[in-house]
Amino acid sequence: MGVEGRDKVKVLEAGALALSGQLGKTVQRLRKAYNLSLSELSEQSGVAKSIISQIERNETNPTLATIWRLSQALDVSIERVLQAADDEPFLEKSSRGDTPILVSDDGKCRLSIIGWIKTVEWLQWYEFSADPGGVLESEAHQRGSVESLSISEGELEVEVSGAIERAKAGETLRYRCDRPHIIRNVSARPANAMMVCILKAAAME
């Protein structure tokens, strides 16, 4: 049985509000996953910083064009951005084409973001790959954060505050990442690893 008149308007307004609220949360999570500031996302998307801030705080209903610009800048489909959390299945599948990839400054290292976007504020995990000689330099994460790097192919070197350690396939390096840290491929062939970053960790307190 359908609804008409004022009741229909109320239903549409409630639906729009719910959708807008989910959109704001999703945009904020994706932005943080890429470590983008509001200004940086504004520059990449062409959407005003003030509008993005209002979207994240659920204070505005953006146009489809605005949503499209944000989805392009965040490298996800519009459907993914608009997907409501309450309707998401427990079992879900992501294709390689849906997986965002970050590239190091030298173009030789790649981080495929395979972690769940809902955990990005406290747990992140990536597929890391590096060509010979590749170097990934990272800024300090928040206090107490710990990173784990499990090598599946090749040999990688990690440097944190002057301390340096190497690991080969089958070995794992764990280190504080709440200070600048560097990962290098020191082998003559490609290297691959699984990287897990635990934010707000208490292990090193």
Protein backbone atom coordinates (compact mmCIF):
# COMPACT_ATOMS: atom_id res chain seq x y z
CA MET A 1 0.00 0.00 0.00
CA GLY A 2 1.52 3.28 -1.08
CA VAL A 3 1.60 6.67 0.60
CA GLU A 4 0.38 9.91 -0.91
CA GLY A 5 0.35 13.63 -0.23
CA ARG A 6 2.02 14.87 2.92
CA ASP A 7 2.79 11.33 4.11
CA LYS A 8 4.67 10.65 0.90
CA VAL A 9 6.66 13.86 1.31
CA LYS A 10 7.58 12.86 4.87
CA VAL A 11 8.74 9.43 3.68
CA LEU A 12 10.84 10.99 0.92
CA GLU A 13 12.35 13.52 3.34
CA ALA A 14 13.18 10.78 5.84
CA GLY A 15 14.78 8.68 3.11
CA ALA A 16 16.82 11.64 1.84
CA LEU A 17 17.99 12.42 5.39
CA ALA A 18 19.06 8.83 6.01
CA LEU A 19 20.88 8.70 2.67
CA SER A 20 22.59 12.02 3.34
CA GLY A 21 23.74 10.83 6.76
CA GLN A 22 25.27 7.66 5.34
CA LEU A 23 26.92 9.66 2.55
CA GLY A 24 28.62 11.96 5.04
CA LYS A 25 30.01 9.05 7.06
CA THR A 26 31.23 7.29 3.92
CA VAL A 27 32.93 10.37 2.48
CA GLN A 28 34.68 11.00 5.80
CA ARG A 29 35.89 7.38 6.10
CA LEU A 30 37.19 7.32 2.52
CA ARG A 31 38.90 10.69 2.95
CA LYS A 32 40.68 9.46 6.08
CA ALA A 33 41.62 6.20 4.35
CA TYR A 34 43.56 8.25 1.82
CA ASN A 35 44.92 10.54 4.57
CA LEU A 36 43.39 13.51 2.78
CA SER A 37 42.56 16.80 4.46
CA LEU A 38 39.36 18.63 3.57
CA SER A 39 41.43 21.07 1.52
CA GLU A 40 43.16 18.28 -0.42
CA LEU A 41 39.88 16.50 -1.21
CA SER A 42 38.41 19.84 -2.26
CA GLU A 43 41.31 20.43 -4.64
CA GLN A 44 41.09 16.95 -6.15
CA SER A 45 37.29 16.91 -6.52
CA GLY A 46 36.52 20.51 -7.38
CA VAL A 47 33.97 20.59 -4.56
CA ALA A 48 34.25 23.50 -2.11
CA LYS A 49 35.85 22.66 1.23
CA SER A 50 32.85 24.13 3.07
CA ILE A 51 30.45 21.89 1.12
CA ILE A 52 32.48 18.75 1.89
CA SER A 53 32.52 19.71 5.56
CA GLN A 54 28.73 20.18 5.52
CA ILE A 55 28.29 16.80 3.78
CA GLU A 56 30.40 15.03 6.40
CA ARG A 57 28.38 16.69 9.19
CA ASN A 58 25.09 15.79 7.46
CA GLU A 59 24.12 19.45 7.12
CA THR A 60 23.34 19.49 3.40
CA ASN A 61 21.86 17.36 0.61
CA PRO A 62 24.44 17.39 -2.21
CA THR A 63 23.54 17.21 -5.87
CA LEU A 64 24.28 14.12 -7.96
CA ALA A 65 27.04 16.08 -9.72
CA THR A 66 28.71 16.78 -6.36
CA ILE A 67 28.49 13.12 -5.34
CA TRP A 68 29.98 12.10 -8.70
CA ARG A 69 32.94 14.50 -8.27
CA LEU A 70 33.64 13.17 -4.79
CA SER A 71 33.37 9.54 -5.91
CA GLN A 72 35.87 10.20 -8.73
CA ALA A 73 38.32 11.91 -6.37
CA LEU A 74 37.98 9.05 -3.86
CA ASP A 75 38.28 6.40 -6.61
CA VAL A 76 35.03 4.56 -5.81
CA SER A 77 31.73 4.11 -7.63
CA ILE A 78 28.71 6.29 -6.85
CA GLU A 79 26.88 3.12 -5.80
CA ARG A 80 29.58 2.40 -3.21
CA VAL A 81 29.36 5.93 -1.85
CA LEU A 82 25.58 5.81 -1.57
CA GLN A 83 25.31 2.29 -0.19
CA ALA A 84 23.46 2.33 3.12
CA ALA A 85 25.25 0.64 6.01
CA ASP A 86 22.11 -1.03 7.34
CA ASP A 87 21.50 -2.72 4.01
CA GLU A 88 25.01 -4.07 3.49
CA PRO A 89 25.22 -7.88 3.49
CA PHE A 90 27.40 -9.67 6.01
CA LEU A 91 29.05 -11.45 3.08
CA GLU A 92 30.35 -9.07 0.45
CA LYS A 93 32.82 -9.16 -2.40
CA SER A 94 35.10 -6.47 -3.83
CA SER A 95 36.72 -6.74 -7.23
CA ARG A 96 40.28 -5.67 -7.97
CA GLY A 97 38.86 -2.77 -9.95
CA ASP A 98 37.14 -1.49 -6.80
CA THR A 99 40.38 -1.58 -4.78
CA PRO A 100 42.05 1.85 -4.41
CA ILE A 101 45.81 1.85 -4.98
CA LEU A 102 48.30 4.35 -3.54
CA VAL A 103 51.66 4.85 -5.28
CA SER A 104 54.91 6.01 -3.66
CA ASP A 105 56.68 9.18 -4.76
CA ASP A 106 59.25 7.19 -6.76
CA GLY A 107 56.48 5.23 -8.53
CA LYS A 108 58.01 1.89 -7.50
CA CYS A 109 55.84 0.99 -4.49
CA ARG A 110 52.10 0.32 -4.43
CA LEU A 111 49.64 -0.03 -1.57
CA SER A 112 46.34 -1.70 -2.42
CA ILE A 113 43.77 -0.73 0.22
CA ILE A 114 42.06 -4.04 0.98
CA GLY A 115 40.96 -3.20 4.52
CA TRP A 116 37.33 -2.55 5.41
CA ILE A 117 36.53 1.13 5.18
CA LYS A 118 34.53 0.97 8.44
CA THR A 119 37.65 0.08 10.45
CA VAL A 120 39.95 2.67 8.88
CA GLU A 121 40.10 4.83 12.02
CA TRP A 122 41.62 2.02 14.11
CA LEU A 123 42.66 -0.83 11.80
CA GLN A 124 44.02 -0.66 8.24
CA TRP A 125 45.50 -3.35 6.02
CA TYR A 126 47.07 -3.31 2.60
CA GLU A 127 48.75 -5.41 -0.06
CA PHE A 128 52.22 -3.91 -0.45
CA SER A 129 54.34 -4.43 -3.56
CA ALA A 130 57.65 -2.85 -4.53
CA ASP A 131 59.88 -2.97 -7.57
CA PRO A 132 63.64 -3.39 -7.00
CA GLY A 133 64.97 -0.24 -5.35
CA GLY A 134 61.50 0.97 -4.43
CA VAL A 135 61.20 3.20 -1.36
CA LEU A 136 58.04 4.10 0.57
CA GLU A 137 58.48 6.95 3.04
CA SER A 138 55.63 7.49 5.50
CA GLU A 139 54.89 10.24 7.99
CA ALA A 140 54.20 9.40 11.62
CA HIS A 141 50.76 7.97 12.41
CA GLN A 142 48.99 8.81 15.66
CA ARG A 143 50.61 8.05 18.99
CA GLY A 144 50.83 4.37 19.92
CA SER A 145 50.28 3.04 16.39
CA VAL A 146 51.98 -0.22 15.41
CA GLU A 147 52.55 -1.61 11.91
CA SER A 148 53.10 -5.24 10.92
CA LEU A 149 54.74 -6.17 7.62
CA SER A 150 54.62 -9.85 6.60
CA ILE A 151 56.79 -10.54 3.56
CA SER A 152 55.55 -13.11 1.04
CA GLU A 153 58.13 -12.50 -1.70
CA GLY A 154 61.54 -10.84 -1.95
CA GLU A 155 63.30 -8.94 0.84
CA LEU A 156 62.30 -5.68 2.53
CA GLU A 157 64.07 -3.31 4.86
CA VAL A 158 62.33 -1.13 7.44
CA GLU A 159 63.91 1.93 9.06
CA VAL A 160 62.39 3.63 12.11
CA SER A 161 64.23 6.39 13.99
CA GLY A 162 67.62 5.14 12.79
CA ALA A 163 66.92 1.48 13.63
CA ILE A 164 67.07 -0.79 10.57
CA GLU A 165 65.91 -4.39 10.16
CA ARG A 166 65.49 -6.67 7.14
CA ALA A 167 63.11 -9.55 6.53
CA LYS A 168 62.70 -12.16 3.79
CA ALA A 169 59.75 -14.18 2.56
CA GLY A 170 58.05 -15.93 5.47
CA GLU A 171 59.25 -13.36 8.02
CA THR A 172 57.41 -10.48 9.68
CA LEU A 173 58.57 -7.08 10.91
CA ARG A 174 56.59 -5.19 13.57
CA TYR A 175 57.44 -1.63 14.50
CA ARG A 176 56.18 1.63 15.88
CA CYS A 177 54.76 3.73 13.09
CA ASP A 178 53.93 6.77 15.23
CA ARG A 179 57.14 8.30 13.93
CA PRO A 180 58.48 8.66 10.35
CA HIS A 181 59.32 5.27 8.87
CA ILE A 182 60.70 3.94 5.58
CA ILE A 183 60.21 0.65 3.73
CA ARG A 184 62.75 -0.30 1.05
CA ASN A 185 62.99 -3.16 -1.41
CA VAL A 186 66.63 -4.14 -1.05
CA SER A 187 66.44 -7.20 -3.30
CA ALA A 188 67.04 -7.43 -7.03
CA ARG A 189 63.51 -8.68 -7.68
CA PRO A 190 59.97 -7.53 -6.86
CA ALA A 191 58.84 -7.80 -3.25
CA ASN A 192 55.35 -8.35 -1.88
CA ALA A 193 53.96 -8.17 1.64
CA MET A 194 50.82 -7.84 3.71
CA MET A 195 50.78 -4.65 5.78
CA VAL A 196 48.54 -4.19 8.81
CA CYS A 197 48.43 -0.93 10.74
CA ILE A 198 46.85 -0.84 14.21
CA LEU A 199 46.05 2.70 15.26
CA LYS A 200 45.71 3.88 18.87
CA ALA A 201 47.56 0.76 19.96
CA ALA A 202 48.39 0.49 23.63
CA ALA A 203 51.11 -2.14 23.15
CA MET A 204 53.95 0.38 23.19
CA GLU A 205 52.62 2.68 25.95
